[in-house]
Protein backbone atom coordinates (compact mmCIF):
# COMPACT_ATOMS: atom_id res chain seq x y z
CA MET A 1 18.13 25.97 -57.48
CA PRO A 2 16.78 27.17 -54.10
CA SER A 3 13.25 26.10 -53.16
CA LEU A 4 10.73 28.95 -53.08
CA PRO A 5 7.81 28.94 -50.61
CA TYR A 6 5.34 30.13 -53.26
CA ARG A 7 5.24 29.65 -57.01
CA PRO A 8 4.51 32.84 -59.01
CA ARG A 9 1.59 32.41 -61.44
CA ILE A 10 0.15 34.51 -64.25
CA THR A 11 -2.45 33.21 -66.67
CA GLN A 12 -5.30 34.47 -68.82
CA ILE A 13 -8.83 34.02 -67.52
CA ILE A 14 -10.32 35.92 -70.48
CA GLY A 15 -8.45 35.54 -73.75
CA ASP A 16 -8.82 37.98 -76.66
CA LYS A 17 -12.59 38.18 -76.28
CA SER A 18 -14.37 40.23 -78.94
CA ILE A 19 -16.55 43.01 -77.51
CA ALA A 20 -20.00 43.56 -79.00
CA ALA A 21 -20.43 46.92 -80.74
CA GLY A 22 -23.37 47.76 -78.48
CA GLY A 23 -21.48 46.77 -75.32
CA GLU A 24 -21.85 43.62 -73.24
CA THR A 25 -21.13 41.99 -69.89
CA ILE A 26 -18.21 39.53 -69.72
CA ASN A 27 -17.81 37.08 -66.82
CA ALA A 28 -15.00 34.81 -65.65
CA ASP A 29 -14.02 32.88 -62.53
CA LEU A 30 -10.79 33.59 -60.70
CA PRO A 31 -8.31 30.69 -60.71
CA SER A 32 -9.11 27.90 -58.25
CA GLU A 33 -5.50 26.74 -57.82
CA TYR A 34 -3.75 29.92 -56.64
CA THR A 35 -4.22 33.20 -54.77
CA VAL A 36 -4.70 36.23 -57.03
CA THR A 37 -2.89 39.46 -56.12
CA GLY A 38 -4.03 41.46 -59.15
CA LEU A 39 -5.67 41.41 -62.57
CA LEU A 40 -4.33 42.94 -65.79
CA ILE A 41 -7.11 44.11 -68.12
CA THR A 42 -5.83 44.78 -71.65
CA GLN A 43 -7.98 46.07 -74.47
CA LYS A 44 -7.14 46.32 -78.16
CA LYS A 45 -9.18 48.90 -80.06
CA VAL A 46 -9.27 50.36 -83.57
CA GLN A 47 -9.94 54.09 -83.79
CA THR A 48 -12.88 55.37 -85.80
CA GLY A 49 -11.47 58.91 -85.66
CA ALA A 50 -9.95 61.24 -83.09
CA VAL A 51 -10.19 59.64 -79.63
CA SER A 52 -10.01 61.50 -76.31
CA LEU A 53 -8.80 59.91 -73.09
CA ALA A 54 -12.36 60.02 -71.70
CA GLN A 55 -13.60 58.07 -74.73
CA GLN A 56 -10.83 55.48 -74.41
CA LEU A 57 -11.70 54.92 -70.75
CA ALA A 58 -15.43 54.64 -71.57
CA SER A 59 -14.73 51.33 -73.30
CA LEU A 60 -14.65 49.67 -69.85
CA ASP A 61 -17.78 50.96 -68.17
CA GLN A 62 -17.38 49.01 -64.91
CA PHE A 63 -15.31 46.28 -63.25
CA GLU A 64 -16.75 44.12 -60.48
CA MET A 65 -15.39 41.25 -58.41
CA VAL A 66 -17.82 39.10 -56.44
CA THR A 67 -17.22 36.23 -54.02
CA ARG A 68 -19.44 33.66 -52.35
CA SER A 69 -19.82 36.16 -49.48
CA GLY A 70 -20.57 39.34 -51.41
CA GLY A 71 -19.22 41.94 -53.82
CA PRO A 72 -16.12 43.69 -52.47
CA TRP A 73 -15.02 45.34 -55.75
CA LYS A 74 -16.87 47.79 -58.00
CA ILE A 75 -15.18 50.61 -59.95
CA SER A 76 -15.55 52.35 -63.32
CA GLY A 77 -12.83 52.20 -65.96
CA ALA A 78 -12.14 55.94 -65.60
CA ASP A 79 -11.87 55.75 -61.79
CA LEU A 80 -9.60 52.70 -62.10
CA PHE A 81 -7.28 54.58 -64.48
CA TYR A 82 -6.73 57.45 -62.03
CA PHE A 83 -6.56 55.09 -59.03
CA ASN A 84 -3.82 53.14 -60.85
CA ARG A 85 -1.90 56.35 -61.44
CA ASP A 86 -2.02 57.51 -57.83
CA LEU A 87 -1.44 54.08 -56.25
CA LEU A 88 1.33 52.95 -58.62
CA GLY A 89 2.91 56.38 -59.09
CA LYS A 90 2.82 56.15 -62.88
CA GLU A 91 0.29 56.50 -65.64
CA PRO A 92 -1.32 53.26 -66.86
CA HIS A 93 -0.06 52.25 -70.29
CA ILE A 94 -2.19 53.40 -73.21
CA SER A 95 -0.37 53.21 -76.53
CA GLN A 96 -0.39 56.55 -78.30
CA ASN A 97 -0.47 56.98 -82.05
CA SER A 98 1.10 60.01 -83.68
CA VAL A 99 -2.12 60.66 -85.63
CA ASP A 100 -5.68 60.56 -84.30
CA THR A 101 -7.30 59.05 -87.33
CA ASN A 102 -9.36 56.14 -88.55
CA ASN A 103 -8.05 52.55 -88.28
CA HIS A 104 -5.13 53.26 -85.95
CA ILE A 105 -4.74 50.60 -83.25
CA ILE A 106 -4.71 51.40 -79.52
CA TYR A 107 -3.77 49.13 -76.64
CA GLU A 108 -4.88 50.02 -73.11
CA SER A 109 -3.87 48.18 -69.91
CA LEU A 110 -5.25 48.68 -66.40
CA LEU A 111 -4.43 46.90 -63.14
CA VAL A 112 -7.00 45.77 -60.57
CA PRO A 113 -4.89 45.58 -57.38
CA PHE A 114 -5.98 43.07 -54.75
CA ASN A 115 -2.66 43.75 -53.00
CA PRO A 116 -1.85 47.48 -52.58
CA LEU A 117 1.84 46.69 -52.08
CA GLY A 118 2.20 45.21 -55.55
CA VAL A 119 1.26 42.02 -57.36
CA TRP A 120 4.52 40.26 -56.38
CA ASP A 121 4.11 41.03 -52.67
CA THR A 122 2.72 38.14 -50.57
CA ARG A 123 0.84 39.91 -47.76
CA PHE A 124 -2.54 40.29 -49.51
CA GLY A 125 -4.49 38.47 -52.22
CA VAL A 126 -7.81 36.83 -53.08
CA SER A 127 -7.73 33.21 -51.92
CA PRO A 128 -9.38 30.43 -53.98
CA ARG A 129 -11.61 29.68 -50.99
CA THR A 130 -13.56 32.89 -51.65
CA ARG A 131 -14.68 31.47 -55.04
CA GLY A 132 -14.12 34.85 -56.65
CA ALA A 133 -15.48 35.80 -60.06
CA VAL A 134 -15.14 38.95 -62.17
CA ARG A 135 -17.64 40.86 -64.27
CA LEU A 136 -16.64 43.42 -66.90
CA THR A 137 -19.36 45.72 -68.21
CA MET A 138 -18.10 46.99 -71.54
CA GLY A 139 -19.25 50.25 -73.11
CA THR A 140 -20.28 50.77 -76.73
CA ASP A 141 -18.19 51.36 -79.85
CA THR A 142 -19.87 54.76 -80.20
CA ASN A 143 -18.97 55.95 -76.70
CA SER A 144 -15.36 54.75 -77.01
CA ALA A 145 -14.89 56.07 -80.60
CA CYS A 146 -13.42 52.70 -81.51
CA ASP A 147 -14.50 49.41 -83.04
CA ASP A 148 -13.07 45.89 -83.49
CA ARG A 149 -12.45 45.84 -79.73
CA THR A 150 -11.12 42.85 -77.80
CA VAL A 151 -10.32 42.34 -74.12
CA THR A 152 -7.88 40.03 -72.33
CA VAL A 153 -7.68 39.57 -68.55
CA ALA A 154 -4.69 37.96 -66.84
CA ALA A 155 -4.69 36.82 -63.19
CA ILE A 156 -1.41 37.33 -61.31
CA GLY A 157 -0.56 35.69 -58.01
CA TYR A 158 1.06 32.84 -56.10
CA GLU A 159 0.41 29.13 -55.77
CA GLY A 160 0.60 28.02 -52.13
CA LEU A 161 -0.03 31.51 -50.74
CA ASN A 162 -2.79 31.73 -48.13
CA PRO A 163 -3.12 35.36 -46.92
CA ALA A 164 -5.71 36.40 -44.37
CA GLU A 165 -6.96 39.40 -46.36
CA TYR A 166 -7.09 41.20 -49.68
CA MET A 167 -7.82 44.81 -50.64
CA GLY A 168 -11.43 45.54 -51.58
CA CYS A 169 -12.75 48.68 -53.24
CA PHE A 170 -16.40 49.50 -53.73
CA VAL A 171 -18.00 52.66 -55.05
CA ASP A 172 -20.32 54.83 -52.98
CA PRO A 173 -21.96 57.42 -55.31
CA PHE A 174 -23.83 60.27 -53.60
CA THR A 175 -24.68 63.95 -53.82
CA SER A 176 -22.48 65.89 -51.42
CA ILE A 177 -23.66 68.73 -49.23
CA ALA A 178 -21.50 71.85 -48.84
CA SER A 179 -20.50 70.91 -45.31
CA ASP A 180 -19.71 67.75 -43.34
CA ASN A 181 -20.53 64.46 -45.10
CA PHE A 182 -20.39 61.10 -43.30
CA ARG A 183 -20.51 57.96 -45.44
CA ASP A 184 -21.06 54.52 -43.91
CA ILE A 185 -18.86 51.69 -45.20
CA GLN A 186 -19.63 48.11 -46.12
CA SER A 187 -18.72 46.10 -43.01
CA ASP A 188 -19.12 42.47 -44.10
CA ARG A 189 -15.81 40.60 -43.53
CA VAL A 190 -13.95 43.93 -43.19
CA SER A 191 -10.91 43.94 -40.89
CA GLY A 192 -10.12 47.61 -41.41
CA ILE A 193 -9.76 50.51 -43.81
CA MET A 194 -6.52 51.01 -45.76
CA GLY A 195 -7.40 54.28 -47.45
CA VAL A 196 -9.96 56.36 -49.33
CA TYR A 197 -10.09 57.23 -53.02
CA HIS A 198 -12.51 60.08 -53.67
CA PHE A 199 -13.92 61.76 -56.79
CA GLN A 200 -15.64 65.13 -56.71
CA THR A 201 -17.04 66.86 -59.80
CA THR A 202 -15.30 70.09 -58.75
CA GLY A 203 -11.55 69.65 -58.23
CA VAL A 204 -9.58 70.86 -55.23
CA GLU A 205 -7.77 73.28 -57.58
CA ASP A 206 -11.01 74.73 -58.98
CA LEU A 207 -10.97 77.91 -56.91
CA THR A 208 -12.62 81.27 -57.52
CA THR A 209 -13.21 84.20 -55.18
CA THR A 210 -15.29 81.77 -53.10
CA ASP A 211 -13.46 79.14 -51.01
CA ALA A 212 -15.44 76.26 -52.47
CA PRO A 213 -13.26 73.41 -53.78
CA GLY A 214 -15.06 70.13 -54.34
CA VAL A 215 -13.64 68.59 -51.16
CA LYS A 216 -11.68 70.46 -48.48
CA ASP A 217 -10.89 67.71 -45.96
CA ILE A 218 -10.89 63.91 -46.00
CA GLY A 219 -10.74 61.67 -42.95
CA TRP A 220 -12.54 59.04 -40.93
CA ALA A 221 -15.04 59.11 -38.12
CA VAL A 222 -16.94 56.88 -35.72
CA ALA A 223 -20.64 57.71 -35.30
CA LYS A 224 -20.02 61.21 -36.77
CA SER A 225 -17.15 61.91 -34.37
CA VAL A 226 -14.17 62.82 -36.57
CA ARG A 227 -11.00 61.00 -35.47
CA GLU A 228 -8.56 62.05 -38.22
CA LYS A 229 -8.75 64.45 -41.14
CA VAL A 230 -6.38 66.16 -43.56
CA ARG A 231 -6.62 68.85 -46.23
CA ALA A 232 -7.38 67.31 -49.64
CA HIS A 233 -5.14 69.87 -51.37
CA GLY A 234 -2.17 68.62 -49.34
CA LEU A 235 -2.94 65.03 -50.30
CA GLN A 236 -2.56 66.04 -53.96
CA LEU A 237 1.10 66.70 -53.22
CA LEU A 238 1.56 63.72 -50.91
CA GLU A 239 -0.18 60.96 -52.88
CA SER A 240 -1.06 62.05 -56.44
CA ALA A 241 1.14 61.05 -59.38
CA TRP A 242 2.59 63.89 -61.43
CA ASN A 243 3.67 62.79 -64.88
CA THR A 244 5.40 65.60 -66.75
CA ASN A 245 5.39 63.55 -69.97
CA ALA A 246 1.78 64.54 -70.49
CA ARG A 247 -0.35 64.01 -73.53
CA ALA A 248 -1.77 67.06 -75.26
CA GLU A 249 -4.87 66.87 -73.06
CA ALA A 250 -2.64 67.13 -69.97
CA VAL A 251 -3.63 63.88 -68.27
CA GLY A 252 -0.10 63.85 -66.86
CA LEU A 253 -0.96 66.77 -64.60
CA PRO A 254 -2.57 66.01 -61.23
CA ASN A 255 -6.28 65.45 -61.74
CA SER A 256 -7.59 67.38 -58.76
CA LYS A 257 -11.03 65.80 -59.05
CA TYR A 258 -9.45 62.64 -57.54
CA THR A 259 -7.87 62.49 -54.08
CA LEU A 260 -6.17 59.52 -52.40
CA MET A 261 -5.85 59.26 -48.61
CA ASN A 262 -3.43 56.67 -47.25
CA LEU A 263 -4.40 54.95 -43.99
CA GLY A 264 -1.86 52.12 -44.30
CA LEU A 265 -2.13 51.51 -48.03
CA ARG A 266 1.61 51.99 -48.61
CA THR A 267 2.77 49.78 -45.74
CA GLY A 268 0.20 46.97 -45.59
CA GLN A 269 -1.49 48.33 -42.49
CA TYR A 270 -5.01 49.61 -41.79
CA VAL A 271 -7.21 51.35 -39.25
CA PRO A 272 -9.14 48.52 -37.51
CA TYR A 273 -12.84 48.44 -38.28
CA THR A 274 -15.27 49.29 -35.49
CA ASN A 275 -19.04 49.67 -35.42
CA ASN A 276 -20.33 52.92 -36.97
CA PHE A 277 -17.07 53.49 -38.89
CA GLN A 278 -17.48 56.24 -41.51
CA ILE A 279 -15.62 58.14 -44.21
CA TYR A 280 -15.56 61.87 -43.42
CA LEU A 281 -15.66 64.43 -46.25
CA ASN A 282 -15.83 68.19 -45.75
CA CYS A 283 -17.11 69.33 -49.15
CA GLY A 284 -17.28 72.85 -50.51
CA VAL A 285 -19.93 72.16 -53.14
CA ALA A 286 -23.25 70.31 -53.32
CA GLU A 287 -22.77 68.06 -56.35
CA ALA A 288 -22.24 64.52 -57.65
CA ALA A 289 -19.45 62.67 -55.86
CA ARG A 290 -18.07 59.12 -55.60
CA THR A 291 -16.01 57.81 -52.74
CA HIS A 292 -14.17 54.49 -52.77
CA PRO A 293 -13.32 53.01 -49.34
CA LEU A 294 -10.20 50.83 -49.70
CA LEU A 295 -10.79 47.95 -47.31
CA ALA A 296 -8.86 45.04 -45.84
CA VAL A 297 -11.35 42.19 -46.50
CA ARG A 298 -11.03 38.77 -44.91
CA ASN A 299 -10.65 35.74 -47.19
CA GLU A 300 -13.84 34.00 -46.12
């Protein structure tokens, strides 16, 4: 048998943990013996009646990953679902029952990607030297329309792998103005920006007689000088996943409230960080928005 430079690893760091009916926070350390390229979060839930996709996703209120040097990951369960779909090109797996009724069992799995190129790629990952730990804030039984919930988290990666960087993703919630918006990014240990994942309450397809989609253009700037930008509507075609095997609520259609901009995400590259680096958003509406800078973070 040929010798491999790195040994693939996958192990549970949270195993079949019961979730309190009123919600709770669940913590776990990342493995200390190998580099983690991604986390699989799987929930088992029992329906208390008809369950919408929004209710299913409300079961995981927020995921965070913190290291000894800061907190480079923070994202809601709903945002992670749609980010998975656009990054991976397929809908995350949520088992679907033929009848929305009491006591039917649902499984839901989401991926937290520390390597945008895939969990079995070796160019990015969270090194043990960061002393990473995860925090899951779980929603309530009432909000998720389920009970008897459990959660399992598996860490995927490689033993012997020592990459320089991993992908970070933090949330920047704000109220947009109907014009140019410039959002500063977290700069600690950041080598560069790999992309942007943006949510706007009004979708880019939500058009009337007024040209006012939620976001018109996405790009990046330095000290409010725009260096690159592109129409958000075009990015829906370029980057968004279209799944024609949609559920009745049409989650398989492009969700135009979410837009992904690739700045090296697909190839393992990034725009190098410089002082006063900003995300640029030309918005058509003043409303609640969330942008997620996708960063190349140094393993320090």
